[in-house]
N, C-alpha and C. Protein backbone atom coordinates (compact mmCIF):
# COMPACT_ATOMS: atom_id res chain seq x y z
N UNK A 1 -136.91 103.53 162.15
CA UNK A 1 -135.33 103.51 161.41
C UNK A 1 -134.97 102.10 161.68
N UNK A 2 -134.49 101.50 160.54
CA UNK A 2 -134.06 100.18 160.35
C UNK A 2 -132.30 100.18 160.48
N UNK A 3 -131.95 99.45 161.29
CA UNK A 3 -130.48 99.23 161.77
C UNK A 3 -130.05 97.84 161.03
N UNK A 4 -129.03 97.95 160.31
CA UNK A 4 -128.41 96.72 159.67
C UNK A 4 -127.18 96.64 160.03
N UNK A 5 -126.52 95.56 160.64
CA UNK A 5 -125.11 95.32 160.72
C UNK A 5 -124.68 94.16 159.88
N UNK A 6 -123.46 94.63 159.52
CA UNK A 6 -122.73 93.73 158.53
C UNK A 6 -121.44 93.26 159.11
N UNK A 7 -121.27 92.07 159.15
CA UNK A 7 -119.89 91.74 159.68
C UNK A 7 -119.09 91.02 158.95
N UNK A 8 -117.84 91.44 158.63
CA UNK A 8 -117.11 90.59 157.53
C UNK A 8 -116.43 89.47 158.31
N UNK A 9 -116.81 88.42 157.98
CA UNK A 9 -116.38 87.16 158.50
C UNK A 9 -115.26 86.57 157.58
N UNK A 10 -114.80 87.09 156.58
CA UNK A 10 -113.68 86.59 155.62
C UNK A 10 -112.63 86.12 156.49
N UNK A 11 -111.88 86.63 157.49
CA UNK A 11 -110.88 86.37 158.22
C UNK A 11 -111.18 85.06 159.21
N UNK A 12 -112.53 85.08 159.69
CA UNK A 12 -112.69 83.85 160.76
C UNK A 12 -112.89 82.70 159.65
N UNK A 13 -113.32 82.81 158.30
CA UNK A 13 -113.67 81.57 157.60
C UNK A 13 -112.34 81.22 157.02
N UNK A 14 -111.36 82.00 156.70
CA UNK A 14 -109.78 81.80 156.36
C UNK A 14 -109.27 81.01 157.42
N UNK A 15 -109.32 81.52 158.51
CA UNK A 15 -108.77 80.67 159.83
C UNK A 15 -109.55 79.29 159.88
N UNK A 16 -110.62 79.14 159.71
CA UNK A 16 -111.20 77.98 160.09
C UNK A 16 -110.84 77.03 158.91
N UNK A 17 -110.86 77.57 157.53
CA UNK A 17 -110.21 76.58 156.75
C UNK A 17 -108.86 76.04 156.97
N UNK A 18 -107.93 76.99 157.36
CA UNK A 18 -106.53 76.84 157.72
C UNK A 18 -106.57 75.69 159.01
N UNK A 19 -107.40 75.73 159.72
CA UNK A 19 -107.27 74.92 160.97
C UNK A 19 -107.95 73.47 160.18
N UNK A 20 -108.90 73.28 159.59
CA UNK A 20 -109.20 72.02 158.78
C UNK A 20 -108.02 71.51 157.87
N UNK A 21 -107.26 72.40 157.06
CA UNK A 21 -106.49 71.94 156.26
C UNK A 21 -105.15 71.12 157.23
N UNK A 22 -105.02 72.00 158.25
CA UNK A 22 -103.75 71.56 159.09
C UNK A 22 -104.12 70.27 159.85
N UNK A 23 -105.52 70.22 160.38
CA UNK A 23 -105.87 69.13 160.90
C UNK A 23 -105.83 67.72 159.81
N UNK A 24 -106.27 68.05 158.75
CA UNK A 24 -105.95 66.84 157.65
C UNK A 24 -104.73 66.53 157.43
N UNK A 25 -103.82 67.50 157.37
CA UNK A 25 -102.52 67.10 157.28
C UNK A 25 -101.79 66.34 158.35
N UNK A 26 -102.31 66.69 159.56
CA UNK A 26 -101.74 65.81 160.83
C UNK A 26 -102.41 64.40 160.56
N UNK A 27 -103.58 64.26 160.18
CA UNK A 27 -104.38 62.99 160.33
C UNK A 27 -103.44 62.11 159.20
N UNK A 28 -103.25 62.76 158.13
CA UNK A 28 -102.52 62.12 156.86
C UNK A 28 -101.25 61.55 157.56
N UNK A 29 -100.21 62.31 158.36
CA UNK A 29 -99.28 62.03 158.71
C UNK A 29 -99.15 60.89 159.81
N UNK A 30 -100.26 61.12 160.57
CA UNK A 30 -100.38 59.88 161.73
C UNK A 30 -100.86 58.57 160.81
N UNK A 31 -101.95 58.71 159.78
CA UNK A 31 -101.82 57.59 159.10
C UNK A 31 -100.77 56.88 158.65
N UNK A 32 -99.79 57.68 157.90
CA UNK A 32 -98.55 57.19 157.28
C UNK A 32 -97.69 56.58 158.51
N UNK A 33 -97.50 57.26 159.56
CA UNK A 33 -96.57 56.92 160.69
C UNK A 33 -97.10 55.29 161.31
N UNK A 34 -98.38 55.30 161.47
CA UNK A 34 -99.12 54.17 162.25
C UNK A 34 -99.12 52.98 161.54
N UNK A 35 -98.79 53.07 160.13
CA UNK A 35 -98.68 51.81 159.18
C UNK A 35 -97.50 51.38 159.10
N UNK A 36 -96.69 52.02 159.83
CA UNK A 36 -94.98 52.01 159.56
C UNK A 36 -94.49 51.13 160.82
N UNK A 37 -93.06 50.96 160.73
CA UNK A 37 -92.25 50.47 161.67
C UNK A 37 -91.54 51.76 162.15
N UNK A 38 -92.05 52.67 161.91
CA UNK A 38 -91.49 53.91 162.71
C UNK A 38 -92.14 54.57 163.80
N UNK A 39 -91.69 54.97 164.94
CA UNK A 39 -92.31 55.18 166.17
C UNK A 39 -91.84 56.63 166.47
N UNK A 40 -92.81 57.47 166.65
CA UNK A 40 -92.70 58.93 167.05
C UNK A 40 -92.67 58.95 168.63
N UNK A 41 -91.91 59.83 169.30
CA UNK A 41 -92.12 60.03 170.63
C UNK A 41 -91.99 61.58 171.08
N UNK A 42 -92.33 61.94 172.18
CA UNK A 42 -91.81 63.25 172.53
C UNK A 42 -91.67 62.92 174.16
N UNK A 43 -90.34 63.39 174.50
CA UNK A 43 -89.99 63.04 176.07
C UNK A 43 -89.67 64.10 176.54
N UNK A 44 -90.11 64.27 177.92
CA UNK A 44 -89.44 65.68 178.67
C UNK A 44 -88.06 65.18 178.98
N UNK A 45 -87.47 66.12 179.25
CA UNK A 45 -85.84 66.14 179.66
C UNK A 45 -86.08 66.38 180.98
N UNK A 46 -86.35 65.05 181.67
CA UNK A 46 -86.54 64.83 183.26
C UNK A 46 -85.98 63.61 183.51
N UNK A 47 -85.58 63.29 184.69
CA UNK A 47 -85.32 62.08 185.29
C UNK A 47 -86.09 60.92 184.52
N UNK A 48 -85.78 60.00 183.95
CA UNK A 48 -86.34 58.58 183.38
C UNK A 48 -87.28 59.27 181.95
N UNK A 49 -86.96 60.23 181.63
CA UNK A 49 -87.55 60.65 180.24
C UNK A 49 -89.12 60.21 180.21
N UNK A 50 -89.80 60.86 180.99
CA UNK A 50 -91.37 60.59 180.85
C UNK A 50 -92.00 61.00 179.48
N UNK A 51 -92.96 60.29 179.16
CA UNK A 51 -93.28 60.44 177.70
C UNK A 51 -94.63 61.10 177.66
N UNK A 52 -94.55 62.09 176.79
CA UNK A 52 -95.54 63.10 176.47
C UNK A 52 -96.48 62.72 175.30
N UNK A 53 -95.74 62.15 174.32
CA UNK A 53 -96.45 61.65 173.25
C UNK A 53 -95.75 60.65 172.57
N UNK A 54 -96.73 59.57 172.14
CA UNK A 54 -96.06 58.31 171.42
C UNK A 54 -97.30 58.16 170.27
N UNK A 55 -96.71 57.73 169.07
CA UNK A 55 -97.61 57.48 168.12
C UNK A 55 -98.38 56.26 168.34
N UNK A 56 -99.58 56.06 167.76
CA UNK A 56 -100.50 54.79 168.23
C UNK A 56 -99.92 53.53 167.69
N UNK A 57 -98.90 53.65 166.72
CA UNK A 57 -98.07 52.27 166.45
C UNK A 57 -97.42 51.63 167.50
N UNK A 58 -97.29 52.36 168.58
CA UNK A 58 -96.46 51.94 169.63
C UNK A 58 -97.24 50.53 170.28
N UNK A 59 -98.40 50.30 169.64
CA UNK A 59 -99.11 48.99 170.14
C UNK A 59 -98.47 47.85 169.52
N UNK A 60 -97.58 48.28 168.38
CA UNK A 60 -96.89 46.93 167.82
C UNK A 60 -95.86 46.33 168.98
N UNK A 61 -95.25 47.40 169.94
CA UNK A 61 -94.74 46.83 170.91
C UNK A 61 -95.65 46.31 172.32
N UNK A 62 -96.87 46.54 172.19
CA UNK A 62 -97.70 45.94 173.17
C UNK A 62 -98.22 46.92 173.98
N UNK A 63 -97.86 48.30 173.87
CA UNK A 63 -98.23 49.55 174.64
C UNK A 63 -99.05 50.47 174.06
N UNK A 64 -99.80 51.16 175.00
CA UNK A 64 -100.49 52.33 174.83
C UNK A 64 -99.81 53.72 175.12
N UNK A 65 -100.19 54.62 174.52
CA UNK A 65 -99.95 56.15 174.98
C UNK A 65 -100.14 56.20 176.28
N UNK A 66 -101.33 55.74 176.87
CA UNK A 66 -101.76 55.89 178.34
C UNK A 66 -100.72 55.00 179.20
N UNK A 67 -100.25 53.99 178.73
CA UNK A 67 -99.13 53.48 179.49
C UNK A 67 -98.05 54.44 179.94
N UNK A 68 -97.68 55.22 179.11
CA UNK A 68 -96.64 55.99 179.49
C UNK A 68 -97.15 57.44 180.21
N UNK A 69 -98.07 57.97 179.38
CA UNK A 69 -98.71 59.20 179.93
C UNK A 69 -99.18 59.08 181.54
N UNK A 70 -99.71 58.21 181.81
CA UNK A 70 -100.18 57.73 183.26
C UNK A 70 -99.25 57.35 184.38
N UNK A 71 -98.02 57.22 183.82
CA UNK A 71 -96.77 57.00 184.70
C UNK A 71 -96.51 55.62 184.91
N UNK A 72 -97.38 54.79 184.60
CA UNK A 72 -97.25 53.26 184.82
C UNK A 72 -95.82 52.68 184.13
N UNK A 73 -95.56 53.41 182.95
CA UNK A 73 -94.18 53.08 182.32
C UNK A 73 -93.62 54.30 182.31
N UNK A 74 -92.25 54.35 182.55
CA UNK A 74 -91.19 55.37 182.34
C UNK A 74 -90.43 54.89 180.90
N UNK A 75 -89.80 55.70 180.20
CA UNK A 75 -89.22 55.24 178.92
C UNK A 75 -87.85 54.50 179.40
N UNK A 76 -87.06 54.92 180.17
CA UNK A 76 -85.98 54.37 180.42
C UNK A 76 -85.83 53.10 181.11
N UNK A 77 -87.00 52.75 181.72
CA UNK A 77 -87.45 51.30 182.15
C UNK A 77 -87.44 50.08 181.14
N UNK A 78 -87.61 50.69 179.80
CA UNK A 78 -87.71 49.90 178.65
C UNK A 78 -86.33 49.60 178.12
N UNK A 79 -85.37 50.46 178.29
CA UNK A 79 -84.35 50.21 177.60
C UNK A 79 -83.37 49.25 178.32
N UNK A 80 -82.62 48.19 177.63
CA UNK A 80 -82.06 47.00 177.99
C UNK A 80 -80.97 47.60 178.88
N UNK A 81 -81.01 46.76 180.16
CA UNK A 81 -80.04 47.16 181.31
C UNK A 81 -78.62 47.41 180.93
N UNK A 82 -78.17 46.52 179.72
CA UNK A 82 -76.84 46.81 179.49
C UNK A 82 -76.45 47.88 178.24
N UNK A 83 -77.69 48.48 177.95
CA UNK A 83 -77.75 49.68 176.81
C UNK A 83 -77.95 50.95 177.84
N UNK A 84 -78.72 50.83 178.89
CA UNK A 84 -78.96 51.82 179.71
C UNK A 84 -77.84 52.92 180.02
N UNK A 85 -76.80 52.51 180.74
CA UNK A 85 -75.73 53.42 180.98
C UNK A 85 -75.14 54.26 179.84
N UNK A 86 -75.05 53.46 179.00
CA UNK A 86 -74.38 54.50 177.55
C UNK A 86 -75.46 55.34 177.18
N UNK A 87 -76.75 54.69 176.92
CA UNK A 87 -77.70 55.93 176.46
C UNK A 87 -77.94 57.06 177.50
N UNK A 88 -78.03 56.64 178.85
CA UNK A 88 -78.23 57.84 179.65
C UNK A 88 -76.86 58.91 179.35
N UNK A 89 -75.82 58.09 179.42
CA UNK A 89 -74.60 59.23 179.14
C UNK A 89 -74.54 60.10 178.06
N UNK A 90 -74.90 59.48 177.01
CA UNK A 90 -75.13 60.10 175.57
C UNK A 90 -76.22 61.28 175.75
N UNK A 91 -77.57 60.81 176.25
CA UNK A 91 -78.44 61.83 176.66
C UNK A 91 -78.05 63.05 177.16
N UNK A 92 -77.11 62.81 178.35
CA UNK A 92 -76.64 63.61 179.19
C UNK A 92 -75.69 64.83 178.55
N UNK A 93 -74.85 64.05 177.87
CA UNK A 93 -74.10 64.96 176.79
C UNK A 93 -74.61 65.54 176.03
N UNK A 94 -75.69 65.28 175.23
CA UNK A 94 -76.35 65.80 174.23
C UNK A 94 -77.25 66.77 174.85
N UNK A 95 -77.77 66.88 175.93
CA UNK A 95 -78.48 67.93 176.58
C UNK A 95 -77.67 68.95 177.03
N UNK A 96 -76.46 68.74 177.61
CA UNK A 96 -75.53 69.84 177.93
C UNK A 96 -75.09 70.67 176.76
N UNK A 97 -74.98 69.89 175.56
CA UNK A 97 -74.40 70.56 174.24
C UNK A 97 -75.42 70.15 173.20
N UNK A 98 -76.40 70.43 172.79
CA UNK A 98 -77.29 70.19 171.77
C UNK A 98 -76.94 70.63 170.34
N UNK A 99 -75.90 71.20 170.45
CA UNK A 99 -75.56 71.98 169.07
C UNK A 99 -75.62 71.12 167.78
N UNK A 100 -75.19 69.89 168.02
CA UNK A 100 -75.18 68.94 166.82
C UNK A 100 -76.40 68.83 166.28
N UNK A 101 -77.64 68.80 167.01
CA UNK A 101 -78.95 69.11 166.39
C UNK A 101 -79.39 67.94 166.38
N UNK A 102 -79.12 66.53 166.34
CA UNK A 102 -79.29 65.30 166.35
C UNK A 102 -78.54 64.30 167.16
N UNK A 103 -79.33 63.59 167.99
CA UNK A 103 -78.54 62.40 168.52
C UNK A 103 -78.92 61.02 167.96
N UNK A 104 -78.03 60.41 167.53
CA UNK A 104 -78.36 59.13 166.94
C UNK A 104 -77.85 57.83 167.60
N UNK A 105 -78.74 56.94 167.89
CA UNK A 105 -78.31 55.85 169.02
C UNK A 105 -79.03 54.34 168.26
N UNK A 106 -78.41 53.46 168.73
CA UNK A 106 -79.22 52.17 168.64
C UNK A 106 -78.96 51.30 170.08
N UNK A 107 -80.27 50.65 170.31
CA UNK A 107 -80.34 50.29 171.53
C UNK A 107 -81.56 49.31 171.18
N UNK A 108 -81.58 48.37 172.54
CA UNK A 108 -82.76 47.40 172.38
C UNK A 108 -83.70 48.05 173.63
N UNK A 109 -85.09 47.65 173.18
CA UNK A 109 -86.21 48.17 173.97
C UNK A 109 -86.98 47.07 174.39
N UNK A 110 -87.70 46.78 175.58
CA UNK A 110 -88.23 45.70 175.72
C UNK A 110 -89.83 45.98 175.26
N UNK A 111 -90.25 45.11 174.81
CA UNK A 111 -91.60 45.19 174.20
C UNK A 111 -92.44 44.39 175.59
N UNK A 112 -93.78 44.86 175.56
CA UNK A 112 -94.61 44.31 176.68
C UNK A 112 -94.58 42.92 176.80
N UNK A 113 -94.46 42.04 176.02
CA UNK A 113 -94.35 40.58 175.99
C UNK A 113 -92.82 40.30 176.57
N UNK A 114 -92.04 41.06 176.73
CA UNK A 114 -90.77 40.77 177.53
C UNK A 114 -89.54 40.68 176.54
N UNK A 115 -89.88 40.48 175.24
CA UNK A 115 -88.85 40.45 174.41
C UNK A 115 -88.32 41.83 173.91
N UNK A 116 -86.96 41.77 173.67
CA UNK A 116 -86.34 43.03 173.43
C UNK A 116 -86.20 43.09 171.96
N UNK A 117 -86.38 44.21 171.43
CA UNK A 117 -86.32 44.74 169.88
C UNK A 117 -85.29 45.79 169.66
N UNK A 118 -84.55 45.76 168.76
CA UNK A 118 -83.59 46.79 168.40
C UNK A 118 -84.20 48.02 167.79
N UNK A 119 -83.76 49.03 168.19
CA UNK A 119 -84.30 50.42 167.48
C UNK A 119 -83.28 51.37 167.18
N UNK A 120 -83.30 52.03 166.18
CA UNK A 120 -82.51 53.39 165.62
C UNK A 120 -83.32 54.36 166.33
N UNK A 121 -82.50 55.32 166.91
CA UNK A 121 -83.41 56.47 167.39
C UNK A 121 -82.60 57.73 167.09
N UNK A 122 -83.23 58.41 166.61
CA UNK A 122 -82.96 59.93 166.05
C UNK A 122 -83.63 60.71 166.92
N UNK A 123 -82.89 61.42 167.62
CA UNK A 123 -83.57 62.47 168.54
C UNK A 123 -83.03 63.66 168.49
N UNK A 124 -84.13 64.60 168.37
CA UNK A 124 -83.94 66.05 168.09
C UNK A 124 -84.32 66.84 169.64
N UNK A 125 -83.38 67.97 169.93
CA UNK A 125 -83.70 68.51 170.97
C UNK A 125 -84.91 69.68 170.92
N UNK A 126 -85.53 69.88 171.75
CA UNK A 126 -86.61 70.91 171.86
C UNK A 126 -86.36 72.00 173.08
N UNK A 127 -85.58 73.17 172.71
CA UNK A 127 -85.20 74.11 173.55
C UNK A 127 -86.05 75.29 173.91
N UNK A 128 -85.98 75.53 175.25
CA UNK A 128 -86.71 76.91 175.64
C UNK A 128 -85.95 78.09 175.23
N UNK A 129 -86.52 79.36 175.48
CA UNK A 129 -85.92 80.62 174.72
C UNK A 129 -84.37 80.85 175.28
N UNK A 130 -84.05 80.28 176.42
CA UNK A 130 -82.84 80.28 177.18
C UNK A 130 -81.88 78.96 176.55
N UNK A 131 -82.52 78.45 175.75
CA UNK A 131 -81.64 77.63 175.07
C UNK A 131 -81.47 76.12 175.95
N UNK A 132 -82.21 75.87 176.68
CA UNK A 132 -82.01 74.65 177.55
C UNK A 132 -82.85 73.72 176.99
N UNK A 133 -82.59 72.43 176.89
CA UNK A 133 -83.21 71.27 176.30
C UNK A 133 -84.47 71.14 177.10
N UNK A 134 -85.60 71.30 176.89
CA UNK A 134 -86.86 70.69 177.67
C UNK A 134 -87.58 69.48 177.30
N UNK A 135 -87.20 69.15 175.88
CA UNK A 135 -88.10 67.95 175.56
C UNK A 135 -87.27 67.29 174.45
N UNK A 136 -87.24 66.18 174.37
CA UNK A 136 -86.35 65.44 172.91
C UNK A 136 -87.57 64.98 172.19
N UNK A 137 -87.48 65.26 170.86
CA UNK A 137 -88.61 64.66 169.91
C UNK A 137 -87.73 63.54 169.02
N UNK A 138 -88.23 62.47 169.23
CA UNK A 138 -87.52 61.14 168.76
C UNK A 138 -88.30 60.26 167.78
N UNK A 139 -87.68 60.03 166.55
CA UNK A 139 -87.89 59.13 165.59
C UNK A 139 -87.53 57.94 165.69
N UNK A 140 -88.06 56.88 166.13
CA UNK A 140 -87.52 55.36 166.12
C UNK A 140 -87.91 54.57 164.97
N UNK A 141 -86.72 53.55 164.72
CA UNK A 141 -87.33 52.77 163.55
C UNK A 141 -86.94 51.47 164.06
N UNK A 142 -87.68 50.31 163.99
CA UNK A 142 -87.54 49.05 164.61
C UNK A 142 -86.72 48.50 163.51
N UNK A 143 -85.45 48.09 163.85
CA UNK A 143 -84.37 47.41 163.19
C UNK A 143 -84.06 46.13 163.74
N UNK A 144 -84.95 45.32 164.36
CA UNK A 144 -84.59 44.10 164.71
C UNK A 144 -84.22 43.09 163.67
N UNK A 145 -85.08 42.78 162.60
CA UNK A 145 -84.85 42.39 161.55
C UNK A 145 -83.45 42.46 160.84
N UNK A 146 -83.13 43.72 160.68
CA UNK A 146 -81.83 43.92 160.21
C UNK A 146 -80.50 43.61 160.90
N UNK A 147 -80.78 43.74 162.50
CA UNK A 147 -79.65 43.12 163.43
C UNK A 147 -79.75 41.77 163.38
N UNK A 148 -80.83 40.99 163.26
CA UNK A 148 -80.86 39.44 162.97
C UNK A 148 -80.05 39.08 162.02
N UNK A 149 -80.61 39.65 160.80
CA UNK A 149 -79.85 39.15 159.46
C UNK A 149 -78.22 39.52 159.42
N UNK A 150 -77.80 40.54 160.28
CA UNK A 150 -76.51 41.10 160.52
C UNK A 150 -75.73 39.85 161.16
N UNK A 151 -76.43 39.73 162.30
CA UNK A 151 -75.81 38.66 163.13
C UNK A 151 -75.72 37.17 162.41
N UNK A 152 -76.70 36.76 161.82
CA UNK A 152 -76.71 35.42 161.03
C UNK A 152 -75.60 35.64 160.13
N UNK A 153 -75.28 36.70 159.28
CA UNK A 153 -74.46 36.77 158.17
C UNK A 153 -73.28 36.62 158.72
N UNK A 154 -72.74 37.28 160.07
CA UNK A 154 -71.53 37.30 160.74
C UNK A 154 -71.10 35.59 161.16
N UNK A 155 -72.33 35.22 161.66
CA UNK A 155 -72.06 33.93 162.08
C UNK A 155 -71.80 32.65 160.95
N UNK A 156 -72.36 33.20 159.76
CA UNK A 156 -72.13 32.47 158.43
C UNK A 156 -70.63 32.38 158.06
N UNK A 157 -70.30 33.74 158.01
CA UNK A 157 -68.72 34.37 157.76
C UNK A 157 -67.67 33.42 158.68
N UNK A 158 -68.20 33.40 159.93
CA UNK A 158 -67.32 33.01 160.87
C UNK A 158 -66.91 31.41 160.74
N UNK A 159 -68.30 30.79 160.43
CA UNK A 159 -68.20 29.28 160.10
C UNK A 159 -67.50 28.86 158.91
N UNK A 160 -67.56 29.69 157.68
CA UNK A 160 -66.85 29.66 156.49
C UNK A 160 -65.53 29.71 156.60
N UNK A 161 -65.09 30.78 157.49
CA UNK A 161 -63.57 31.09 157.74
C UNK A 161 -63.09 29.79 158.80
N UNK A 162 -63.77 29.33 159.53
CA UNK A 162 -63.30 28.10 160.15
C UNK A 162 -63.10 26.71 159.27
N UNK A 163 -64.25 26.52 158.35
CA UNK A 163 -63.97 25.62 157.28
C UNK A 163 -62.97 25.76 156.43
N UNK A 164 -62.61 26.96 155.88
CA UNK A 164 -61.46 27.36 154.83
C UNK A 164 -60.23 27.09 155.76
N UNK A 165 -60.16 27.17 156.98
CA UNK A 165 -58.84 27.14 157.53
C UNK A 165 -58.63 25.75 157.97
């Protein structure tokens, strides 16, 4: 007697196709981000905000993801000392009540070469089932050029005002 087994793999094929499509979307998103001046971060809501993920374009600051994930660098060590107290307080307040849904900050970050660059940081909370913030998802934009232009414009206006007076 001949025994024949037929197994329907339609569901497995559908799942495999969906995984391939999701991977392709992720790769496309990473390509877009890594060509930009926008940086993606995932920080744990712990002392000094250890980094679990940083987009590859963090190399523009002279760092690698491994610099962060290995513990060689912790994020708050990069924040300018003059900005750190305010940023720390704002993050603590946000963690206690993340109902706003987004924390917007501007501050200076130290690049690997020691120079500071301005960033605009939009941070979103990631909460557990109990509503506690476990992580922060951050989108940073390098705004150094904008800050430098604004400062130059301010100085020009001040000079013009002095000359007119």
